[in-house]
Amino acid sequence: MKRAWYLGHTSDEVGDRAILVGDPGRLTRIAEHFDEVKFLPVSRGLKTLTGKFAGRDITVASFGMGAPIATIVLHELADLGITRFLRIGTAMYFSPAAAGDLLISREAIGFDGTCSAYVDGGGPYPANSGLVESLWTAGAKQGRSIMSGKYATYDAFYRDMFGIDDEGRRRADFNRSQLIEKSVLAVDMETSALLAAANALKVACASICLGTVDAMTQEKLAPESMETSERVLFETALSGLAEFE
């Protein structure tokens, strides 16, 4: 029986589909949406659970932040037999998206350093179209504003995405102008690498994130809106992934 090198889980402890989350704190909250849940042993601070939702065995694994560790988690779970992956979380967004919108990746451009280990070139790397459509259908049932489009991924948050010093602001301003020209909808730190890895490993993958930071103004989604928005994200993600064949 296979055992994952870093996660430490075995193939009989995981489902056939997985949700990848950055924040390990989300596992406790998403667990409330399952019919049955088993929390697996924590390894290197990476929390994982497997539970039943709509009759499906779904694994949820945290990766922290960034493309390198996110792809390690995906690669290990794919090696254990998981064939359907969904990254959920938060993302910066560009108009016409608005705060609190559900943003589904149809493809992603890679400005990160991980993509090239799996696929030559910077993309765009496609998300699985069937999973995208399943997420769209599930989101529509929630009555929430949904958009799908192109993601872009960077490694250096405070240099390329969100400036907190003069150099960061200069670089982020330049990047924003380039992303607008490329009709990018959302920006994060993982999606392009996950899609590149998924394509190389021949597994299905997509991202669905809440738009929480306006890329142009850096305004954040109000804290009082986050709890409700996150519940909608969880239900959409779980339903879309469960219904995807």
C-alpha atoms as a PDB file:
ATOM      1  CA  MET A   1       0.000   0.000   0.000  1.00  0.00           C
ATOM      2  CA  LYS A   2       1.376   3.406  -0.951  1.00  0.00           C
ATOM      3  CA  ARG A   3       2.198   5.997   1.686  1.00  0.00           C
ATOM      4  CA  ALA A   4       2.761   9.680   0.889  1.00  0.00           C
ATOM      5  CA  TRP A   5       6.284  10.907   1.675  1.00  0.00           C
ATOM      6  CA  TYR A   6       5.407  14.212   3.391  1.00  0.00           C
ATOM      7  CA  LEU A   7       1.705  13.892   4.179  1.00  0.00           C
ATOM      8  CA  GLY A   8       2.209  10.394   5.584  1.00  0.00           C
ATOM      9  CA  HIS A   9      -1.249   9.174   4.531  1.00  0.00           C
ATOM     10  CA  THR A  10      -1.932   5.883   2.788  1.00  0.00           C
ATOM     11  CA  SER A  11      -4.093   5.234  -0.252  1.00  0.00           C
ATOM     12  CA  ASP A  12      -6.863   3.672   1.835  1.00  0.00           C
ATOM     13  CA  GLU A  13      -7.184   6.855   3.931  1.00  0.00           C
ATOM     14  CA  VAL A  14      -8.103   9.169   1.053  1.00  0.00           C
ATOM     15  CA  GLY A  15     -11.026   9.478  -1.357  1.00  0.00           C
ATOM     16  CA  ASP A  16     -10.967   9.638  -5.148  1.00  0.00           C
ATOM     17  CA  ARG A  17     -11.275  13.448  -5.184  1.00  0.00           C
ATOM     18  CA  ALA A  18      -9.716  16.217  -3.110  1.00  0.00           C
ATOM     19  CA  ILE A  19     -10.106  19.834  -2.115  1.00  0.00           C
ATOM     20  CA  LEU A  20      -6.867  21.741  -1.524  1.00  0.00           C
ATOM     21  CA  VAL A  21      -7.015  24.682   0.893  1.00  0.00           C
ATOM     22  CA  GLY A  22      -4.304  27.080   2.011  1.00  0.00           C
ATOM     23  CA  ASP A  23      -5.498  27.961   5.513  1.00  0.00           C
ATOM     24  CA  PRO A  24      -5.476  24.855   7.770  1.00  0.00           C
ATOM     25  CA  GLY A  25      -8.112  26.553   9.925  1.00  0.00           C
ATOM     26  CA  ARG A  26     -10.612  26.033   7.122  1.00  0.00           C
ATOM     27  CA  LEU A  27     -10.581  22.260   7.697  1.00  0.00           C
ATOM     28  CA  THR A  28     -12.510  22.540  10.953  1.00  0.00           C
ATOM     29  CA  ARG A  29     -15.084  24.795   9.289  1.00  0.00           C
ATOM     30  CA  ILE A  30     -15.504  22.760   6.104  1.00  0.00           C
ATOM     31  CA  ALA A  31     -15.813  19.578   8.200  1.00  0.00           C
ATOM     32  CA  GLU A  32     -19.206  20.849   9.406  1.00  0.00           C
ATOM     33  CA  HIS A  33     -20.544  20.321   5.862  1.00  0.00           C
ATOM     34  CA  PHE A  34     -19.729  16.586   5.757  1.00  0.00           C
ATOM     35  CA  ASP A  35     -21.945  13.682   6.823  1.00  0.00           C
ATOM     36  CA  GLU A  36     -18.971  11.745   8.219  1.00  0.00           C
ATOM     37  CA  VAL A  37     -15.445  13.004   8.889  1.00  0.00           C
ATOM     38  CA  LYS A  38     -12.114  11.462   9.847  1.00  0.00           C
ATOM     39  CA  PHE A  39      -9.215  13.776  10.622  1.00  0.00           C
ATOM     40  CA  LEU A  40      -5.902  12.225   9.567  1.00  0.00           C
ATOM     41  CA  PRO A  41      -2.621  12.650  11.466  1.00  0.00           C
ATOM     42  CA  VAL A  42      -0.993  16.064  10.990  1.00  0.00           C
ATOM     43  CA  SER A  43       2.414  16.010   9.300  1.00  0.00           C
ATOM     44  CA  ARG A  44       4.695  19.064   8.953  1.00  0.00           C
ATOM     45  CA  GLY A  45       1.751  21.214   9.963  1.00  0.00           C
ATOM     46  CA  LEU A  46      -0.289  19.954   7.001  1.00  0.00           C
ATOM     47  CA  LYS A  47      -3.810  19.049   8.128  1.00  0.00           C
ATOM     48  CA  THR A  48      -5.960  16.557   6.201  1.00  0.00           C
ATOM     49  CA  LEU A  49      -9.395  15.015   6.567  1.00  0.00           C
ATOM     50  CA  THR A  50     -11.481  12.551   4.598  1.00  0.00           C
ATOM     51  CA  GLY A  51     -15.250  12.648   4.802  1.00  0.00           C
ATOM     52  CA  LYS A  52     -18.491  11.803   3.039  1.00  0.00           C
ATOM     53  CA  PHE A  53     -20.459  14.421   1.141  1.00  0.00           C
ATOM     54  CA  ALA A  54     -23.418  13.465  -1.044  1.00  0.00           C
ATOM     55  CA  GLY A  55     -22.217   9.860  -0.909  1.00  0.00           C
ATOM     56  CA  ARG A  56     -18.708  10.709  -2.156  1.00  0.00           C
ATOM     57  CA  ASP A  57     -15.462  10.168  -0.263  1.00  0.00           C
ATOM     58  CA  ILE A  58     -13.709  13.542  -0.436  1.00  0.00           C
ATOM     59  CA  THR A  59     -10.320  14.389   1.033  1.00  0.00           C
ATOM     60  CA  VAL A  60      -9.526  17.951   2.120  1.00  0.00           C
ATOM     61  CA  ALA A  61      -5.846  18.820   2.520  1.00  0.00           C
ATOM     62  CA  SER A  62      -4.181  22.065   3.591  1.00  0.00           C
ATOM     63  CA  PHE A  63      -0.941  23.344   2.077  1.00  0.00           C
ATOM     64  CA  GLY A  64      -0.326  26.708   3.727  1.00  0.00           C
ATOM     65  CA  MET A  65       0.717  29.234   1.071  1.00  0.00           C
ATOM     66  CA  GLY A  66       2.455  29.137  -2.286  1.00  0.00           C
ATOM     67  CA  ALA A  67       2.831  27.036  -5.399  1.00  0.00           C
ATOM     68  CA  PRO A  68       5.726  24.725  -4.372  1.00  0.00           C
ATOM     69  CA  ILE A  69       4.003  23.156  -1.360  1.00  0.00           C
ATOM     70  CA  ALA A  70       0.575  23.188  -3.033  1.00  0.00           C
ATOM     71  CA  THR A  71       1.917  21.092  -5.906  1.00  0.00           C
ATOM     72  CA  ILE A  72       3.718  18.737  -3.521  1.00  0.00           C
ATOM     73  CA  VAL A  73       0.391  18.045  -1.800  1.00  0.00           C
ATOM     74  CA  LEU A  74      -1.393  17.565  -5.141  1.00  0.00           C
ATOM     75  CA  HIS A  75       1.381  15.330  -6.488  1.00  0.00           C
ATOM     76  CA  GLU A  76       1.419  13.111  -3.403  1.00  0.00           C
ATOM     77  CA  LEU A  77      -2.362  12.730  -3.388  1.00  0.00           C
ATOM     78  CA  ALA A  78      -2.362  11.983  -7.130  1.00  0.00           C
ATOM     79  CA  ASP A  79       0.237   9.287  -6.464  1.00  0.00           C
ATOM     80  CA  LEU A  80      -2.171   7.789  -3.909  1.00  0.00           C
ATOM     81  CA  GLY A  81      -4.856   7.539  -6.601  1.00  0.00           C
ATOM     82  CA  ILE A  82      -6.850  10.775  -6.387  1.00  0.00           C
ATOM     83  CA  THR A  83      -7.899  11.928  -9.858  1.00  0.00           C
ATOM     84  CA  ARG A  84     -10.037  15.047  -9.230  1.00  0.00           C
ATOM     85  CA  PHE A  85      -8.695  18.155  -7.515  1.00  0.00           C
ATOM     86  CA  LEU A  86     -10.174  21.509  -6.585  1.00  0.00           C
ATOM     87  CA  ARG A  87      -8.239  24.398  -5.077  1.00  0.00           C
ATOM     88  CA  ILE A  88     -10.429  26.720  -2.963  1.00  0.00           C
ATOM     89  CA  GLY A  89      -9.583  29.876  -1.092  1.00  0.00           C
ATOM     90  CA  THR A  90      -9.338  33.599  -1.722  1.00  0.00           C
ATOM     91  CA  ALA A  91      -7.987  35.674  -4.597  1.00  0.00           C
ATOM     92  CA  MET A  92      -7.410  39.220  -5.738  1.00  0.00           C
ATOM     93  CA  TYR A  93      -9.860  40.203  -8.446  1.00  0.00           C
ATOM     94  CA  PHE A  94     -10.186  42.580 -11.375  1.00  0.00           C
ATOM     95  CA  SER A  95     -13.328  44.265 -12.678  1.00  0.00           C
ATOM     96  CA  PRO A  96     -15.936  43.218 -13.684  1.00  0.00           C
ATOM     97  CA  ALA A  97     -15.626  40.901 -10.664  1.00  0.00           C
ATOM     98  CA  ALA A  98     -16.663  42.328  -7.290  1.00  0.00           C
ATOM     99  CA  ALA A  99     -15.964  41.545  -3.641  1.00  0.00           C
ATOM    100  CA  GLY A 100     -17.536  38.256  -2.600  1.00  0.00           C
ATOM    101  CA  ASP A 101     -17.952  36.879  -6.120  1.00  0.00           C
ATOM    102  CA  LEU A 102     -17.160  33.217  -6.768  1.00  0.00           C
ATOM    103  CA  LEU A 103     -14.301  33.143  -9.283  1.00  0.00           C
ATOM    104  CA  ILE A 104     -13.750  29.932 -11.271  1.00  0.00           C
ATOM    105  CA  SER A 105     -10.558  29.312 -13.221  1.00  0.00           C
ATOM    106  CA  ARG A 106     -10.910  28.385 -16.893  1.00  0.00           C
ATOM    107  CA  GLU A 107      -7.147  28.731 -17.376  1.00  0.00           C
ATOM    108  CA  ALA A 108      -4.145  30.284 -15.662  1.00  0.00           C
ATOM    109  CA  ILE A 109      -0.958  32.109 -16.626  1.00  0.00           C
ATOM    110  CA  GLY A 110       2.113  31.175 -14.602  1.00  0.00           C
ATOM    111  CA  PHE A 111       4.509  33.820 -13.271  1.00  0.00           C
ATOM    112  CA  ASP A 112       5.600  31.402 -10.546  1.00  0.00           C
ATOM    113  CA  GLY A 113       8.681  29.203 -10.453  1.00  0.00           C
ATOM    114  CA  THR A 114       6.936  25.827 -10.180  1.00  0.00           C
ATOM    115  CA  CYS A 115       5.032  25.494 -13.465  1.00  0.00           C
ATOM    116  CA  SER A 116       8.143  24.880 -15.547  1.00  0.00           C
ATOM    117  CA  ALA A 117       8.939  21.736 -13.547  1.00  0.00           C
ATOM    118  CA  TYR A 118       5.774  20.192 -15.002  1.00  0.00           C
ATOM    119  CA  VAL A 119       5.068  21.941 -18.324  1.00  0.00           C
ATOM    120  CA  ASP A 120       7.317  24.063 -20.547  1.00  0.00           C
ATOM    121  CA  GLY A 121       6.308  27.694 -21.024  1.00  0.00           C
ATOM    122  CA  GLY A 122       4.196  30.062 -18.949  1.00  0.00           C
ATOM    123  CA  GLY A 123       0.811  28.854 -20.074  1.00  0.00           C
ATOM    124  CA  PRO A 124      -2.009  29.545 -20.076  1.00  0.00           C
ATOM    125  CA  TYR A 125      -2.705  26.151 -18.540  1.00  0.00           C
ATOM    126  CA  PRO A 126      -6.304  24.933 -18.888  1.00  0.00           C
ATOM    127  CA  ALA A 127      -8.544  23.887 -16.039  1.00  0.00           C
ATOM    128  CA  ASN A 128     -10.654  20.779 -16.539  1.00  0.00           C
ATOM    129  CA  SER A 129     -13.700  21.980 -18.487  1.00  0.00           C
ATOM    130  CA  GLY A 130     -16.064  19.394 -17.011  1.00  0.00           C
ATOM    131  CA  LEU A 131     -15.142  20.380 -13.463  1.00  0.00           C
ATOM    132  CA  VAL A 132     -15.519  24.074 -14.345  1.00  0.00           C
ATOM    133  CA  GLU A 133     -19.046  23.468 -15.629  1.00  0.00           C
ATOM    134  CA  SER A 134     -19.948  21.377 -12.584  1.00  0.00           C
ATOM    135  CA  LEU A 135     -18.782  24.208 -10.312  1.00  0.00           C
ATOM    136  CA  TRP A 136     -20.733  26.749 -12.321  1.00  0.00           C
ATOM    137  CA  THR A 137     -23.917  24.702 -11.961  1.00  0.00           C
ATOM    138  CA  ALA A 138     -23.378  24.250  -8.226  1.00  0.00           C
ATOM    139  CA  GLY A 139     -22.667  27.951  -7.752  1.00  0.00           C
ATOM    140  CA  ALA A 140     -25.802  28.968  -9.632  1.00  0.00           C
ATOM    141  CA  LYS A 141     -27.870  26.971  -7.152  1.00  0.00           C
ATOM    142  CA  GLN A 142     -26.393  29.068  -4.330  1.00  0.00           C
ATOM    143  CA  GLY A 143     -27.738  32.232  -5.911  1.00  0.00           C
ATOM    144  CA  ARG A 144     -24.334  33.883  -5.685  1.00  0.00           C
ATOM    145  CA  SER A 145     -22.614  36.010  -8.338  1.00  0.00           C
ATOM    146  CA  ILE A 146     -20.240  33.707 -10.263  1.00  0.00           C
ATOM    147  CA  MET A 147     -17.607  34.517 -12.854  1.00  0.00           C
ATOM    148  CA  SER A 148     -15.155  32.315 -14.715  1.00  0.00           C
ATOM    149  CA  GLY A 149     -12.036  33.354 -16.539  1.00  0.00           C
ATOM    150  CA  LYS A 150      -8.268  33.588 -16.502  1.00  0.00           C
ATOM    151  CA  TYR A 151      -6.143  33.406 -13.356  1.00  0.00           C
ATOM    152  CA  ALA A 152      -2.553  34.575 -12.946  1.00  0.00           C
ATOM    153  CA  THR A 153      -0.183  33.229 -10.295  1.00  0.00           C
ATOM    154  CA  TYR A 154       2.850  34.812  -8.616  1.00  0.00           C
ATOM    155  CA  ASP A 155       5.257  33.672  -5.885  1.00  0.00           C
ATOM    156  CA  ALA A 156       6.303  36.992  -4.304  1.00  0.00           C
ATOM    157  CA  PHE A 157       3.138  38.364  -2.717  1.00  0.00           C
ATOM    158  CA  TYR A 158       4.689  41.594  -1.384  1.00  0.00           C
ATOM    159  CA  ARG A 159       6.629  42.283  -4.577  1.00  0.00           C
ATOM    160  CA  ASP A 160       4.337  41.222  -7.409  1.00  0.00           C
ATOM    161  CA  MET A 161       0.804  41.327  -6.008  1.00  0.00           C
ATOM    162  CA  PHE A 162       0.440  43.597  -2.972  1.00  0.00           C
ATOM    163  CA  GLY A 163       3.001  46.338  -2.413  1.00  0.00           C
ATOM    164  CA  ILE A 164       3.806  47.400   1.132  1.00  0.00           C
ATOM    165  CA  ASP A 165       6.965  49.318   0.224  1.00  0.00           C
ATOM    166  CA  ASP A 166       8.022  51.508  -2.710  1.00  0.00           C
ATOM    167  CA  GLU A 167       9.586  48.709  -4.758  1.00  0.00           C
ATOM    168  CA  GLY A 168       6.637  46.405  -4.180  1.00  0.00           C
ATOM    169  CA  ARG A 169       4.162  49.094  -5.170  1.00  0.00           C
ATOM    170  CA  ARG A 170       6.114  49.857  -8.342  1.00  0.00           C
ATOM    171  CA  ARG A 171       6.265  46.216  -9.384  1.00  0.00           C
ATOM    172  CA  ALA A 172       2.632  45.508  -8.460  1.00  0.00           C
ATOM    173  CA  ASP A 173       1.459  48.559 -10.430  1.00  0.00           C
ATOM    174  CA  PHE A 174       3.336  47.361 -13.501  1.00  0.00           C
ATOM    175  CA  ASN A 175       1.986  43.824 -13.132  1.00  0.00           C
ATOM    176  CA  ARG A 176      -1.582  45.054 -12.807  1.00  0.00           C
ATOM    177  CA  SER A 177      -1.328  46.948 -16.072  1.00  0.00           C
ATOM    178  CA  GLN A 178      -0.018  43.826 -17.799  1.00  0.00           C
ATOM    179  CA  LEU A 179      -2.732  41.612 -16.325  1.00  0.00           C
ATOM    180  CA  ILE A 180      -5.489  43.976 -17.427  1.00  0.00           C
ATOM    181  CA  GLU A 181      -4.135  43.774 -20.980  1.00  0.00           C
ATOM    182  CA  LYS A 182      -4.281  39.978 -20.730  1.00  0.00           C
ATOM    183  CA  SER A 183      -7.909  40.065 -19.464  1.00  0.00           C
ATOM    184  CA  VAL A 184      -7.011  38.366 -16.184  1.00  0.00           C
ATOM    185  CA  LEU A 185      -9.912  37.908 -13.758  1.00  0.00           C
ATOM    186  CA  ALA A 186      -8.133  36.757 -10.587  1.00  0.00           C
ATOM    187  CA  VAL A 187      -4.649  36.574  -9.099  1.00  0.00           C
ATOM    188  CA  ASP A 188      -3.366  34.085  -6.530  1.00  0.00           C
ATOM    189  CA  MET A 189      -0.249  32.142  -5.493  1.00  0.00           C
ATOM    190  CA  GLU A 190      -1.128  28.577  -6.543  1.00  0.00           C
ATOM    191  CA  THR A 191      -3.558  28.049  -9.424  1.00  0.00           C
ATOM    192  CA  SER A 192      -1.217  28.078 -12.428  1.00  0.00           C
ATOM    193  CA  ALA A 193       1.170  25.598 -10.820  1.00  0.00           C
ATOM    194  CA  LEU A 194      -1.663  23.296  -9.784  1.00  0.00           C
ATOM    195  CA  LEU A 195      -3.129  23.330 -13.300  1.00  0.00           C
ATOM    196  CA  ALA A 196       0.295  22.724 -14.871  1.00  0.00           C
ATOM    197  CA  ALA A 197       0.966  19.819 -12.499  1.00  0.00           C
ATOM    198  CA  ALA A 198      -2.516  18.373 -13.012  1.00  0.00           C
ATOM    199  CA  ASN A 199      -2.122  18.447 -16.779  1.00  0.00           C
ATOM    200  CA  ALA A 200       1.271  16.744 -16.541  1.00  0.00           C
ATOM    201  CA  LEU A 201      -0.061  14.098 -14.140  1.00  0.00           C
ATOM    202  CA  LYS A 202      -3.253  13.625 -16.186  1.00  0.00           C
ATOM    203  CA  VAL A 203      -5.661  14.424 -13.359  1.00  0.00           C
ATOM    204  CA  ALA A 204      -8.554  16.913 -13.365  1.00  0.00           C
ATOM    205  CA  CYS A 205      -8.104  20.242 -11.581  1.00  0.00           C
ATOM    206  CA  ALA A 206      -9.666  23.694 -11.265  1.00  0.00           C
ATOM    207  CA  SER A 207      -9.781  26.557  -8.774  1.00  0.00           C
ATOM    208  CA  ILE A 208     -12.743  28.348  -7.246  1.00  0.00           C
ATOM    209  CA  CYS A 209     -12.004  31.284  -4.972  1.00  0.00           C
ATOM    210  CA  LEU A 210     -13.792  34.115  -3.272  1.00  0.00           C
ATOM    211  CA  GLY A 211     -12.821  37.501  -4.596  1.00  0.00           C
ATOM    212  CA  THR A 212     -11.628  39.179  -1.399  1.00  0.00           C
ATOM    213  CA  VAL A 213      -9.135  41.882  -2.450  1.00  0.00           C
ATOM    214  CA  ASP A 214      -9.677  44.472  -5.178  1.00  0.00           C
ATOM    215  CA  ALA A 215      -6.499  44.275  -7.280  1.00  0.00           C
ATOM    216  CA  MET A 216      -6.644  47.978  -8.159  1.00  0.00           C
ATOM    217  CA  THR A 217      -7.491  49.555  -4.790  1.00  0.00           C
ATOM    218  CA  GLN A 218      -6.308  46.758  -2.444  1.00  0.00           C
ATOM    219  CA  GLU A 219      -9.598  47.068  -0.546  1.00  0.00           C
ATOM    220  CA  LYS A 220     -10.522  43.863   1.294  1.00  0.00           C
ATOM    221  CA  LEU A 221     -13.866  42.107   1.681  1.00  0.00           C
ATOM    222  CA  ALA A 222     -15.519  43.250   4.908  1.00  0.00           C
ATOM    223  CA  PRO A 223     -14.890  40.777   7.767  1.00  0.00           C
ATOM    224  CA  GLU A 224     -18.605  40.535   8.521  1.00  0.00           C
ATOM    225  CA  SER A 225     -19.180  39.247   4.967  1.00  0.00           C
ATOM    226  CA  MET A 226     -16.445  36.630   5.089  1.00  0.00           C
ATOM    227  CA  GLU A 227     -18.198  34.021   7.240  1.00  0.00           C
ATOM    228  CA  THR A 228     -21.299  33.855   5.059  1.00  0.00           C
ATOM    229  CA  SER A 229     -19.250  33.991   1.855  1.00  0.00           C
ATOM    230  CA  GLU A 230     -17.020  31.163   3.005  1.00  0.00           C
ATOM    231  CA  ARG A 231     -20.007  28.907   3.703  1.00  0.00           C
ATOM    232  CA  VAL A 232     -21.269  29.532   0.158  1.00  0.00           C
ATOM    233  CA  LEU A 233     -17.786  28.723  -1.171  1.00  0.00           C
ATOM    234  CA  PHE A 234     -17.689  25.443   0.772  1.00  0.00           C
ATOM    235  CA  GLU A 235     -21.129  24.316  -0.394  1.00  0.00           C
ATOM    236  CA  THR A 236     -20.386  25.227  -4.004  1.00  0.00           C
ATOM    237  CA  ALA A 237     -17.010  23.521  -3.976  1.00  0.00           C
ATOM    238  CA  LEU A 238     -18.244  20.336  -2.315  1.00  0.00           C
ATOM    239  CA  SER A 239     -21.366  20.075  -4.477  1.00  0.00           C
ATOM    240  CA  GLY A 240     -19.499  20.805  -7.708  1.00  0.00           C
ATOM    241  CA  LEU A 241     -16.750  18.318  -6.920  1.00  0.00           C
ATOM    242  CA  ALA A 242     -19.179  15.624  -5.751  1.00  0.00           C
ATOM    243  CA  GLU A 243     -21.295  15.911  -8.900  1.00  0.00           C
ATOM    244  CA  PHE A 244     -18.317  15.853 -11.264  1.00  0.00           C
ATOM    245  CA  GLU A 245     -17.884  12.414 -12.834  1.00  0.00           C
END
